[in-house]
C-alpha atoms as a PDB file:
ATOM      1  CA  MET A   1      -5.167 101.551 104.831  1.00  0.00           C
ATOM      2  CA  LYS A   2      -5.353 105.047 103.497  1.00  0.00           C
ATOM      3  CA  LYS A   3      -2.763 106.153 101.013  1.00  0.00           C
ATOM      4  CA  SER A   4      -1.434 108.846 103.344  1.00  0.00           C
ATOM      5  CA  SER A   5      -0.942 106.284 106.106  1.00  0.00           C
ATOM      6  CA  ARG A   6       0.942 103.929 103.780  1.00  0.00           C
ATOM      7  CA  VAL A   7       3.224 106.759 102.726  1.00  0.00           C
ATOM      8  CA  LEU A   8       3.856 107.618 106.357  1.00  0.00           C
ATOM      9  CA  TRP A   9       4.708 103.981 107.238  1.00  0.00           C
ATOM     10  CA  VAL A  10       7.016 103.634 104.204  1.00  0.00           C
ATOM     11  CA  SER A  11       8.798 106.838 105.137  1.00  0.00           C
ATOM     12  CA  LEU A  12       9.180 105.654 108.687  1.00  0.00           C
ATOM     13  CA  ILE A  13      10.628 102.291 107.566  1.00  0.00           C
ATOM     14  CA  LEU A  14      13.036 104.010 105.194  1.00  0.00           C
ATOM     15  CA  CYS A  15      14.229 106.277 107.989  1.00  0.00           C
ATOM     16  CA  ILE A  16      14.852 103.277 110.244  1.00  0.00           C
ATOM     17  CA  ILE A  17      16.767 101.435 107.474  1.00  0.00           C
ATOM     18  CA  GLY A  18      18.748 104.561 106.733  1.00  0.00           C
ATOM     19  CA  GLY A  19      19.622 104.958 110.383  1.00  0.00           C
ATOM     20  CA  LEU A  20      20.769 101.379 110.653  1.00  0.00           C
ATOM     21  CA  THR A  21      22.895 101.742 107.513  1.00  0.00           C
ATOM     22  CA  LEU A  22      24.452 104.906 108.877  1.00  0.00           C
ATOM     23  CA  SER A  23      25.142 103.261 112.213  1.00  0.00           C
ATOM     24  CA  THR A  24      26.753 100.267 110.499  1.00  0.00           C
ATOM     25  CA  ARG A  25      28.886 102.587 108.434  1.00  0.00           C
ATOM     26  CA  ILE A  26      29.975 104.536 111.510  1.00  0.00           C
ATOM     27  CA  VAL A  27      30.894 101.321 113.317  1.00  0.00           C
ATOM     28  CA  ARG A  28      32.931 100.157 110.324  1.00  0.00           C
ATOM     29  CA  GLU A  29      34.672 103.515 110.033  1.00  0.00           C
ATOM     30  CA  GLU A  30      35.458 103.517 113.748  1.00  0.00           C
ATOM     31  CA  ALA A  31      36.885 100.001 113.438  1.00  0.00           C
ATOM     32  CA  THR A  32      39.027 101.137 110.526  1.00  0.00           C
ATOM     33  CA  VAL A  33      40.298 104.146 112.497  1.00  0.00           C
ATOM     34  CA  LEU A  34      41.101 101.978 115.526  1.00  0.00           C
ATOM     35  CA  LYS A  35      42.926  99.535 113.293  1.00  0.00           C
ATOM     36  CA  SER A  36      44.945 102.380 111.809  1.00  0.00           C
ATOM     37  CA  ILE A  37      45.777 103.742 115.260  1.00  0.00           C
ATOM     38  CA  LYS A  38      46.978 100.321 116.366  1.00  0.00           C
ATOM     39  CA  ALA A  39      49.089 100.048 113.203  1.00  0.00           C
ATOM     40  CA  ILE A  40      50.618 103.459 113.866  1.00  0.00           C
ATOM     41  CA  LYS A  41      51.378 102.563 117.475  1.00  0.00           C
ATOM     42  CA  LYS A  42      52.925  99.295 116.363  1.00  0.00           C
ATOM     43  CA  ALA A  43      55.017 101.069 113.719  1.00  0.00           C
ATOM     44  CA  SER A  44      56.198 103.628 116.273  1.00  0.00           C
ATOM     45  CA  LYS A  45      57.659 100.810 118.338  1.00  0.00           C
ATOM     46  CA  VAL A  46      59.819  99.561 115.472  1.00  0.00           C
ATOM     47  CA  ASP A  47      63.453 100.365 116.161  1.00  0.00           C
ATOM     48  CA  THR A  48      64.778 102.382 113.227  1.00  0.00           C
ATOM     49  CA  ARG A  49      68.249 102.792 114.773  1.00  0.00           C
ATOM     50  CA  PRO A  50      69.845  99.921 112.782  1.00  0.00           C
ATOM     51  CA  PHE A  51      68.774 101.515 109.491  1.00  0.00           C
ATOM     52  CA  ALA A  52      70.010 104.953 110.551  1.00  0.00           C
ATOM     53  CA  LEU A  53      73.407 103.488 111.425  1.00  0.00           C
ATOM     54  CA  ARG A  54      73.698 101.975 107.981  1.00  0.00           C
ATOM     55  CA  ASN A  55      73.355 105.360 106.273  1.00  0.00           C
ATOM     56  CA  VAL A  56      75.566 107.555 108.458  1.00  0.00           C
ATOM     57  CA  THR A  57      78.649 108.878 106.688  1.00  0.00           C
ATOM     58  CA  VAL A  58      81.992 107.718 108.043  1.00  0.00           C
ATOM     59  CA  PRO A  59      84.584 110.553 108.292  1.00  0.00           C
ATOM     60  CA  ASN A  60      87.957 110.231 106.651  1.00  0.00           C
ATOM     61  CA  LEU A  61      90.037 110.425 109.835  1.00  0.00           C
ATOM     62  CA  LYS A  62      93.553 109.008 109.522  1.00  0.00           C
ATOM     63  CA  ILE A  63      95.037 106.687 112.144  1.00  0.00           C
ATOM     64  CA  ASN A  64      98.560 105.528 111.387  1.00  0.00           C
ATOM     65  CA  GLY A  65     100.073 102.159 112.198  1.00  0.00           C
ATOM     66  CA  LEU A  66      96.974  99.967 112.260  1.00  0.00           C
ATOM     67  CA  THR A  67      97.413  96.346 111.195  1.00  0.00           C
ATOM     68  CA  ALA A  68      93.657  95.752 110.698  1.00  0.00           C
ATOM     69  CA  THR A  69      92.343  95.581 107.139  1.00  0.00           C
ATOM     70  CA  THR A  70      89.098  97.272 108.155  1.00  0.00           C
ATOM     71  CA  SER A  71      88.146  99.254 111.239  1.00  0.00           C
ATOM     72  CA  ILE A  72      85.570 101.700 112.589  1.00  0.00           C
ATOM     73  CA  ALA A  73      84.610 103.778 115.639  1.00  0.00           C
ATOM     74  CA  TYR A  74      81.115 104.871 116.617  1.00  0.00           C
ATOM     75  CA  ASP A  75      79.760 107.283 119.272  1.00  0.00           C
ATOM     76  CA  THR A  76      76.550 105.787 120.707  1.00  0.00           C
ATOM     77  CA  VAL A  77      75.438 109.090 122.268  1.00  0.00           C
ATOM     78  CA  THR A  78      75.681 111.368 119.243  1.00  0.00           C
ATOM     79  CA  ASN A  79      74.867 108.502 116.851  1.00  0.00           C
ATOM     80  CA  ARG A  80      77.760 109.342 114.571  1.00  0.00           C
ATOM     81  CA  TYR A  81      80.806 107.549 113.260  1.00  0.00           C
ATOM     82  CA  LEU A  82      84.112 109.057 114.332  1.00  0.00           C
ATOM     83  CA  TYR A  83      86.430 107.029 112.148  1.00  0.00           C
ATOM     84  CA  GLY A  84      86.376 104.311 109.526  1.00  0.00           C
ATOM     85  CA  ASP A  85      88.652 102.477 107.122  1.00  0.00           C
ATOM     86  CA  GLN A  86      86.824 100.350 104.540  1.00  0.00           C
ATOM     87  CA  PRO A  87      83.925  99.895 107.011  1.00  0.00           C
ATOM     88  CA  ASP A  88      81.659  98.116 104.509  1.00  0.00           C
ATOM     89  CA  LYS A  89      84.205  95.650 103.167  1.00  0.00           C
ATOM     90  CA  LYS A  90      82.987  92.055 103.523  1.00  0.00           C
ATOM     91  CA  MET A  91      85.295  90.160 105.852  1.00  0.00           C
ATOM     92  CA  TYR A  92      85.345  86.898 107.802  1.00  0.00           C
ATOM     93  CA  ASN A  93      84.138  87.620 111.320  1.00  0.00           C
ATOM     94  CA  ALA A  94      85.072  84.468 113.307  1.00  0.00           C
ATOM     95  CA  SER A  95      83.709  84.288 116.865  1.00  0.00           C
ATOM     96  CA  THR A  96      82.151  87.744 116.826  1.00  0.00           C
ATOM     97  CA  THR A  97      79.379  85.654 115.254  1.00  0.00           C
ATOM     98  CA  LYS A  98      78.459  84.610 118.793  1.00  0.00           C
ATOM     99  CA  LEU A  99      77.109  88.102 119.468  1.00  0.00           C
ATOM    100  CA  MET A 100      74.085  87.392 117.275  1.00  0.00           C
ATOM    101  CA  VAL A 101      73.246  84.205 119.196  1.00  0.00           C
ATOM    102  CA  LEU A 102      73.661  86.058 122.482  1.00  0.00           C
ATOM    103  CA  TYR A 103      71.357  88.816 121.246  1.00  0.00           C
ATOM    104  CA  LEU A 104      68.649  86.309 120.348  1.00  0.00           C
ATOM    105  CA  ALA A 105      69.150  84.546 123.686  1.00  0.00           C
ATOM    106  CA  LEU A 106      68.735  87.795 125.641  1.00  0.00           C
ATOM    107  CA  LYS A 107      65.662  88.644 123.605  1.00  0.00           C
ATOM    108  CA  TYR A 108      64.095  85.388 124.761  1.00  0.00           C
ATOM    109  CA  LEU A 109      65.381  85.569 128.338  1.00  0.00           C
ATOM    110  CA  GLN A 110      63.972  89.068 128.802  1.00  0.00           C
ATOM    111  CA  THR A 111      60.461  87.591 128.814  1.00  0.00           C
ATOM    112  CA  HIS A 112      61.521  84.261 130.369  1.00  0.00           C
ATOM    113  CA  PRO A 113      64.003  85.295 133.108  1.00  0.00           C
ATOM    114  CA  HIS A 114      63.488  82.052 135.013  1.00  0.00           C
ATOM    115  CA  GLU A 115      65.113  80.211 132.100  1.00  0.00           C
ATOM    116  CA  TRP A 116      68.575  81.487 133.074  1.00  0.00           C
ATOM    117  CA  SER A 117      68.712  78.516 135.434  1.00  0.00           C
ATOM    118  CA  ALA A 118      67.216  76.058 132.919  1.00  0.00           C
ATOM    119  CA  LYS A 119      69.252  72.901 132.364  1.00  0.00           C
ATOM    120  CA  VAL A 120      70.455  72.221 128.805  1.00  0.00           C
ATOM    121  CA  THR A 121      71.235  68.628 127.823  1.00  0.00           C
ATOM    122  CA  ILE A 122      74.453  68.275 125.822  1.00  0.00           C
ATOM    123  CA  ASN A 123      74.052  66.204 122.663  1.00  0.00           C
ATOM    124  CA  GLY A 124      76.626  64.001 120.970  1.00  0.00           C
ATOM    125  CA  SER A 125      77.694  66.557 118.358  1.00  0.00           C
ATOM    126  CA  VAL A 126      78.414  69.247 120.946  1.00  0.00           C
ATOM    127  CA  ALA A 127      80.226  66.763 123.187  1.00  0.00           C
ATOM    128  CA  LYS A 128      82.418  65.681 120.261  1.00  0.00           C
ATOM    129  CA  MET A 129      83.181  69.308 119.374  1.00  0.00           C
ATOM    130  CA  SER A 130      84.176  70.048 122.970  1.00  0.00           C
ATOM    131  CA  ARG A 131      86.913  67.402 122.833  1.00  0.00           C
ATOM    132  CA  SER A 132      88.350  68.638 119.533  1.00  0.00           C
ATOM    133  CA  TYR A 133      91.856  70.097 119.679  1.00  0.00           C
ATOM    134  CA  TYR A 134      90.919  73.032 117.418  1.00  0.00           C
ATOM    135  CA  ALA A 135      87.289  73.696 118.353  1.00  0.00           C
ATOM    136  CA  GLY A 136      86.911  72.769 122.019  1.00  0.00           C
ATOM    137  CA  GLU A 137      87.337  74.873 125.154  1.00  0.00           C
ATOM    138  CA  LEU A 138      85.336  73.057 127.816  1.00  0.00           C
ATOM    139  CA  PRO A 139      85.198  69.226 127.755  1.00  0.00           C
ATOM    140  CA  MET A 140      81.591  68.014 127.771  1.00  0.00           C
ATOM    141  CA  VAL A 141      79.918  64.616 127.936  1.00  0.00           C
ATOM    142  CA  LYS A 142      76.840  63.552 125.997  1.00  0.00           C
ATOM    143  CA  GLY A 143      73.776  63.675 128.241  1.00  0.00           C
ATOM    144  CA  GLU A 144      75.207  65.947 130.919  1.00  0.00           C
ATOM    145  CA  LYS A 145      73.346  69.129 131.812  1.00  0.00           C
ATOM    146  CA  LEU A 146      74.595  72.691 132.087  1.00  0.00           C
ATOM    147  CA  THR A 147      72.599  75.819 132.842  1.00  0.00           C
ATOM    148  CA  VAL A 148      71.761  78.490 130.301  1.00  0.00           C
ATOM    149  CA  ARG A 149      73.757  80.985 132.369  1.00  0.00           C
ATOM    150  CA  GLN A 150      76.850  78.773 132.295  1.00  0.00           C
ATOM    151  CA  LEU A 151      76.634  78.342 128.530  1.00  0.00           C
ATOM    152  CA  PHE A 152      75.987  82.074 128.002  1.00  0.00           C
ATOM    153  CA  ASP A 153      78.948  83.234 130.089  1.00  0.00           C
ATOM    154  CA  ASN A 154      81.311  80.583 128.693  1.00  0.00           C
ATOM    155  CA  ALA A 155      80.460  81.673 125.146  1.00  0.00           C
ATOM    156  CA  LEU A 156      80.781  85.415 125.753  1.00  0.00           C
ATOM    157  CA  VAL A 157      83.758  85.477 128.123  1.00  0.00           C
ATOM    158  CA  ALA A 158      85.860  82.528 126.966  1.00  0.00           C
ATOM    159  CA  SER A 159      84.469  82.196 123.416  1.00  0.00           C
ATOM    160  CA  SER A 160      83.486  78.565 124.041  1.00  0.00           C
ATOM    161  CA  ASN A 161      82.329  77.065 120.739  1.00  0.00           C
ATOM    162  CA  GLU A 162      80.605  74.109 122.376  1.00  0.00           C
ATOM    163  CA  SER A 163      78.757  76.377 124.803  1.00  0.00           C
ATOM    164  CA  ILE A 164      77.342  78.717 122.141  1.00  0.00           C
ATOM    165  CA  THR A 165      76.342  75.725 119.988  1.00  0.00           C
ATOM    166  CA  ALA A 166      74.513  74.048 122.862  1.00  0.00           C
ATOM    167  CA  LEU A 167      72.841  77.365 123.738  1.00  0.00           C
ATOM    168  CA  GLY A 168      71.728  77.890 120.137  1.00  0.00           C
ATOM    169  CA  ILE A 169      70.273  74.380 119.856  1.00  0.00           C
ATOM    170  CA  TRP A 170      68.378  74.885 123.115  1.00  0.00           C
ATOM    171  CA  LEU A 171      67.079  78.272 121.985  1.00  0.00           C
ATOM    172  CA  ALA A 172      65.929  77.359 118.468  1.00  0.00           C
ATOM    173  CA  GLY A 173      65.400  73.602 118.651  1.00  0.00           C
ATOM    174  CA  SER A 174      68.247  72.657 116.308  1.00  0.00           C
ATOM    175  CA  ASN A 175      71.560  73.958 114.994  1.00  0.00           C
ATOM    176  CA  ARG A 176      70.056  74.578 111.541  1.00  0.00           C
ATOM    177  CA  LEU A 177      67.096  76.530 112.901  1.00  0.00           C
ATOM    178  CA  MET A 178      69.387  78.674 115.019  1.00  0.00           C
ATOM    179  CA  ILE A 179      71.445  79.630 111.977  1.00  0.00           C
ATOM    180  CA  GLU A 180      68.237  80.463 110.095  1.00  0.00           C
ATOM    181  CA  GLN A 181      67.112  82.784 112.901  1.00  0.00           C
ATOM    182  CA  MET A 182      70.501  84.487 112.934  1.00  0.00           C
ATOM    183  CA  ASN A 183      70.343  85.166 109.207  1.00  0.00           C
ATOM    184  CA  GLN A 184      66.757  86.383 109.473  1.00  0.00           C
ATOM    185  CA  GLN A 185      67.768  88.915 112.112  1.00  0.00           C
ATOM    186  CA  ALA A 186      70.680  90.066 109.956  1.00  0.00           C
ATOM    187  CA  VAL A 187      68.276  90.673 107.062  1.00  0.00           C
ATOM    188  CA  LYS A 188      65.870  92.527 109.365  1.00  0.00           C
ATOM    189  CA  TRP A 189      68.672  94.913 110.335  1.00  0.00           C
ATOM    190  CA  HIS A 190      69.881  95.258 106.727  1.00  0.00           C
ATOM    191  CA  LEU A 191      73.304  93.833 107.541  1.00  0.00           C
ATOM    192  CA  LYS A 192      74.213  93.466 103.901  1.00  0.00           C
ATOM    193  CA  GLN A 193      77.658  91.926 104.395  1.00  0.00           C
ATOM    194  CA  THR A 194      76.589  89.482 107.105  1.00  0.00           C
ATOM    195  CA  LYS A 195      75.936  85.820 106.390  1.00  0.00           C
ATOM    196  CA  TYR A 196      76.041  82.965 108.875  1.00  0.00           C
ATOM    197  CA  TYR A 197      76.900  79.304 108.295  1.00  0.00           C
ATOM    198  CA  SER A 198      77.659  78.453 111.920  1.00  0.00           C
ATOM    199  CA  VAL A 199      76.616  79.685 115.364  1.00  0.00           C
ATOM    200  CA  SER A 200      80.174  79.621 116.688  1.00  0.00           C
ATOM    201  CA  GLY A 201      82.069  81.413 113.927  1.00  0.00           C
ATOM    202  CA  LEU A 202      83.976  78.292 112.901  1.00  0.00           C
ATOM    203  CA  ASP A 203      84.219  77.655 109.175  1.00  0.00           C
ATOM    204  CA  ASN A 204      81.719  75.212 107.656  1.00  0.00           C
ATOM    205  CA  VAL A 205      84.479  72.697 106.880  1.00  0.00           C
ATOM    206  CA  ASP A 206      85.566  72.699 110.541  1.00  0.00           C
ATOM    207  CA  LEU A 207      82.097  71.538 111.582  1.00  0.00           C
ATOM    208  CA  VAL A 208      81.956  68.467 109.347  1.00  0.00           C
ATOM    209  CA  PRO A 209      83.487  66.064 111.908  1.00  0.00           C
ATOM    210  CA  PHE A 210      80.763  66.973 114.390  1.00  0.00           C
ATOM    211  CA  GLY A 211      77.826  66.879 111.973  1.00  0.00           C
ATOM    212  CA  LEU A 212      77.166  70.563 112.586  1.00  0.00           C
ATOM    213  CA  ASN A 213      77.964  71.820 109.103  1.00  0.00           C
ATOM    214  CA  ILE A 214      75.303  73.193 106.754  1.00  0.00           C
ATOM    215  CA  LEU A 215      74.820  70.360 104.266  1.00  0.00           C
ATOM    216  CA  LYS A 216      73.404  72.559 101.490  1.00  0.00           C
ATOM    217  CA  ALA A 217      76.381  74.940 101.660  1.00  0.00           C
ATOM    218  CA  LYS A 218      79.841  74.344 100.262  1.00  0.00           C
ATOM    219  CA  SER A 219      82.355  73.182 102.837  1.00  0.00           C
ATOM    220  CA  THR A 220      84.481  76.234 102.034  1.00  0.00           C
ATOM    221  CA  LYS A 221      81.794  78.659 103.238  1.00  0.00           C
ATOM    222  CA  LYS A 222      82.684  80.947 106.138  1.00  0.00           C
ATOM    223  CA  ASN A 223      80.708  83.460 108.168  1.00  0.00           C
ATOM    224  CA  THR A 224      81.067  87.026 106.935  1.00  0.00           C
ATOM    225  CA  SER A 225      80.308  90.530 108.154  1.00  0.00           C
ATOM    226  CA  SER A 226      81.742  94.041 107.989  1.00  0.00           C
ATOM    227  CA  ALA A 227      82.996  96.538 110.538  1.00  0.00           C
ATOM    228  CA  ARG A 228      79.837  98.616 110.154  1.00  0.00           C
ATOM    229  CA  ASP A 229      77.570  95.568 110.391  1.00  0.00           C
ATOM    230  CA  LEU A 230      79.277  94.592 113.640  1.00  0.00           C
ATOM    231  CA  VAL A 231      78.745  98.108 115.002  1.00  0.00           C
ATOM    232  CA  VAL A 232      75.015  97.789 114.297  1.00  0.00           C
ATOM    233  CA  LEU A 233      74.894  94.383 115.995  1.00  0.00           C
ATOM    234  CA  ALA A 234      76.858  95.547 119.044  1.00  0.00           C
ATOM    235  CA  ASP A 235      74.825  98.739 119.295  1.00  0.00           C
ATOM    236  CA  GLN A 236      71.554  96.805 119.302  1.00  0.00           C
ATOM    237  CA  LEU A 237      72.922  94.384 121.857  1.00  0.00           C
ATOM    238  CA  ILE A 238      74.117  96.933 124.436  1.00  0.00           C
ATOM    239  CA  THR A 239      71.203  99.339 123.829  1.00  0.00           C
ATOM    240  CA  GLN A 240      68.410  96.800 124.159  1.00  0.00           C
ATOM    241  CA  TYR A 241      70.109  94.532 126.679  1.00  0.00           C
ATOM    242  CA  PRO A 242      72.749  96.522 128.629  1.00  0.00           C
ATOM    243  CA  VAL A 243      73.040  93.588 131.048  1.00  0.00           C
ATOM    244  CA  ILE A 244      75.379  92.045 128.446  1.00  0.00           C
ATOM    245  CA  LEU A 245      78.106  94.421 129.691  1.00  0.00           C
ATOM    246  CA  LYS A 246      77.880  92.976 133.194  1.00  0.00           C
ATOM    247  CA  HIS A 247      78.558  89.520 131.772  1.00  0.00           C
ATOM    248  CA  ALA A 248      81.275  90.807 129.417  1.00  0.00           C
ATOM    249  CA  GLN A 249      83.325  92.223 132.280  1.00  0.00           C
ATOM    250  CA  LEU A 250      83.808  88.827 133.931  1.00  0.00           C
ATOM    251  CA  LYS A 251      87.507  87.938 134.088  1.00  0.00           C
ATOM    252  CA  ASN A 252      86.781  84.215 133.891  1.00  0.00           C
ATOM    253  CA  THR A 253      84.098  81.556 134.175  1.00  0.00           C
ATOM    254  CA  THR A 254      84.170  78.322 136.165  1.00  0.00           C
ATOM    255  CA  THR A 255      82.169  75.283 135.071  1.00  0.00           C
ATOM    256  CA  LYS A 256      82.584  71.733 136.414  1.00  0.00           C
ATOM    257  CA  GLY A 257      85.841  72.755 138.031  1.00  0.00           C
ATOM    258  CA  PHE A 258      87.262  74.152 134.762  1.00  0.00           C
ATOM    259  CA  THR A 259      88.188  77.832 134.847  1.00  0.00           C
ATOM    260  CA  LEU A 260      88.190  79.581 131.466  1.00  0.00           C
ATOM    261  CA  PRO A 261      89.838  83.043 131.264  1.00  0.00           C
ATOM    262  CA  THR A 262      88.429  85.966 129.309  1.00  0.00           C
ATOM    263  CA  THR A 263      89.683  86.474 125.766  1.00  0.00           C
ATOM    264  CA  ASN A 264      89.268  90.265 126.134  1.00  0.00           C
ATOM    265  CA  ARG A 265      92.706  91.504 127.184  1.00  0.00           C
ATOM    266  CA  MET A 266      91.560  95.142 127.282  1.00  0.00           C
ATOM    267  CA  LEU A 267      89.363  94.805 130.354  1.00  0.00           C
ATOM    268  CA  LYS A 268      90.410  96.602 133.524  1.00  0.00           C
ATOM    269  CA  GLY A 269      93.377  94.810 135.061  1.00  0.00           C
ATOM    270  CA  GLU A 270      94.210  92.840 131.903  1.00  0.00           C
ATOM    271  CA  VAL A 271      97.519  93.220 130.056  1.00  0.00           C
ATOM    272  CA  TYR A 272      96.152  95.776 127.541  1.00  0.00           C
ATOM    273  CA  GLY A 273      93.671  97.322 129.974  1.00  0.00           C
ATOM    274  CA  ASN A 274      93.838 101.118 130.187  1.00  0.00           C
ATOM    275  CA  PRO A 275      91.542 102.861 132.729  1.00  0.00           C
ATOM    276  CA  LYS A 276      91.632 105.961 130.569  1.00  0.00           C
ATOM    277  CA  PHE A 277      89.623 104.214 127.840  1.00  0.00           C
ATOM    278  CA  GLY A 278      87.213 102.265 130.049  1.00  0.00           C
ATOM    279  CA  VAL A 279      86.842  99.155 127.867  1.00  0.00           C
ATOM    280  CA  ASP A 280      84.067  96.946 129.303  1.00  0.00           C
ATOM    281  CA  GLY A 281      83.338  94.520 126.441  1.00  0.00           C
ATOM    282  CA  LEU A 282      82.642  92.926 124.123  1.00  0.00           C
ATOM    283  CA  LYS A 283      83.814  90.039 121.905  1.00  0.00           C
ATOM    284  CA  THR A 284      86.939  88.713 120.219  1.00  0.00           C
ATOM    285  CA  GLY A 285      87.207  86.374 117.266  1.00  0.00           C
ATOM    286  CA  THR A 286      90.080  84.470 115.642  1.00  0.00           C
ATOM    287  CA  THR A 287      90.450  82.036 112.746  1.00  0.00           C
ATOM    288  CA  PRO A 288      93.248  81.632 110.199  1.00  0.00           C
ATOM    289  CA  ALA A 289      91.099  83.254 107.517  1.00  0.00           C
ATOM    290  CA  ALA A 290      89.629  86.013 109.688  1.00  0.00           C
ATOM    291  CA  GLY A 291      92.821  86.917 111.532  1.00  0.00           C
ATOM    292  CA  GLU A 292      92.201  88.758 114.783  1.00  0.00           C
ATOM    293  CA  VAL A 293      88.806  90.428 115.137  1.00  0.00           C
ATOM    294  CA  PHE A 294      87.626  92.543 118.054  1.00  0.00           C
ATOM    295  CA  VAL A 295      84.385  94.367 118.816  1.00  0.00           C
ATOM    296  CA  ALA A 296      85.077  96.696 121.731  1.00  0.00           C
ATOM    297  CA  THR A 297      82.700  98.705 123.890  1.00  0.00           C
ATOM    298  CA  ALA A 298      84.146 101.455 126.042  1.00  0.00           C
ATOM    299  CA  GLN A 299      83.102 104.394 128.168  1.00  0.00           C
ATOM    300  CA  ALA A 300      85.792 106.568 129.686  1.00  0.00           C
ATOM    301  CA  LYS A 301      85.007 108.867 132.607  1.00  0.00           C
ATOM    302  CA  ASN A 302      83.143 111.992 131.426  1.00  0.00           C
ATOM    303  CA  HIS A 303      83.081 110.625 127.889  1.00  0.00           C
ATOM    304  CA  HIS A 304      80.456 109.085 125.620  1.00  0.00           C
ATOM    305  CA  ARG A 305      80.120 105.330 125.183  1.00  0.00           C
ATOM    306  CA  VAL A 306      81.789 104.165 121.974  1.00  0.00           C
ATOM    307  CA  ILE A 307      81.954 101.003 119.913  1.00  0.00           C
ATOM    308  CA  THR A 308      85.034 100.121 117.882  1.00  0.00           C
ATOM    309  CA  VAL A 309      85.690  97.244 115.500  1.00  0.00           C
ATOM    310  CA  VAL A 310      88.901  95.921 113.984  1.00  0.00           C
ATOM    311  CA  MET A 311      88.909  93.045 111.471  1.00  0.00           C
ATOM    312  CA  HIS A 312      91.722  90.949 110.053  1.00  0.00           C
ATOM    313  CA  SER A 313      94.246  92.438 112.460  1.00  0.00           C
ATOM    314  CA  THR A 314      97.563  91.003 113.613  1.00  0.00           C
ATOM    315  CA  ASN A 315      97.310  92.790 116.957  1.00  0.00           C
ATOM    316  CA  ARG A 316      93.686  93.682 117.700  1.00  0.00           C
ATOM    317  CA  PHE A 317      94.271  95.137 121.160  1.00  0.00           C
ATOM    318  CA  VAL A 318      97.059  97.486 120.051  1.00  0.00           C
ATOM    319  CA  ASP A 319      94.973  98.537 117.040  1.00  0.00           C
ATOM    320  CA  THR A 320      91.946  99.197 119.261  1.00  0.00           C
ATOM    321  CA  SER A 321      94.081 101.178 121.720  1.00  0.00           C
ATOM    322  CA  LYS A 322      95.300 103.415 118.875  1.00  0.00           C
ATOM    323  CA  ILE A 323      91.731 104.030 117.696  1.00  0.00           C
ATOM    324  CA  LEU A 324      90.474 104.850 121.197  1.00  0.00           C
ATOM    325  CA  ALA A 325      93.408 107.208 121.775  1.00  0.00           C
ATOM    326  CA  LYS A 326      92.643 109.045 118.545  1.00  0.00           C
ATOM    327  CA  ILE A 327      88.923 109.466 119.142  1.00  0.00           C
ATOM    328  CA  TYR A 328      89.223 110.114 122.895  1.00  0.00           C
ATOM    329  CA  PRO A 329      89.093 113.942 122.577  1.00  0.00           C
ATOM    330  CA  LEU A 330      86.054 113.670 120.276  1.00  0.00           C
ATOM    331  CA  THR A 331      83.897 111.817 122.796  1.00  0.00           C
ATOM    332  CA  GLN A 332      84.117 114.124 125.771  1.00  0.00           C
ATOM    333  CA  ASP A 333      80.794 114.822 127.475  1.00  0.00           C
ATOM    334  CA  LYS A 334      80.284 118.565 127.060  1.00  0.00           C
ATOM    335  CA  ASP A 335      77.683 118.666 129.828  1.00  0.00           C
ATOM    336  CA  VAL A 336      80.257 117.747 132.478  1.00  0.00           C
END
């Protein structure tokens, strides 16, 4: 082969190799770009609302005559706090704990709606709890089956400890795993004052007779949260799963012939109900250490939806009424 021909062939081969290299590089770069785009899209779906709520300043509005140690009020439309008294103080939160379990349940049920009618088998620990004079609301028998909907409504409306425990075990596989998931979600939302040792809100020592206590934790451990943390939790719950408000407005639940009344005495028609404020949820809590706790959701006519929290109160419904009355003029919908 002549020298000129060899040079021509070598040049041709080098061009082909160069083209292949360039093509490979382009493919890799395109893959990298696509990966970045997917990452950006994924990041854009992350809900930053919980973090924003943690950093919003709470105004120094005075409300006289409250018995609660800590309290707060939040406007869900303007995303601003309207009032707060020691909103970040760590407090015992009692049965408002159940809101986290209900959030995780709704998160699962949103993609598995048929599971609302799923039958949950009651285990021995839950059955024993249900017959306790201090922990039980609805008597249950080991081996019997109740639906997810029954357990959900009993827990939210009547604050049934046995119902929320059975629901949590069904959802996570065990009581311990449910508590782990609850704490993981609290960390994800940066709820710095929130720590769970039970799914019901009962103190760890109260769960010992049923074998539902956390063995690695001291028996004196109790669930904790803060008024602001509870606002974040409630806000996520009603924003992502507004169906919770439909359940929360039930006046009672009936299971196996047992009728359990709502613990929320500020609903329409209840003793502390006031149509002017439009309270439609959400959860009460009471233990000797926590006192009276109440997370309220309300939307008055031509007003923004608000969330209020009172902790360690001696009259949660009166305290909440005073807060709603004070902030009422501040939540009027200006577009009406």
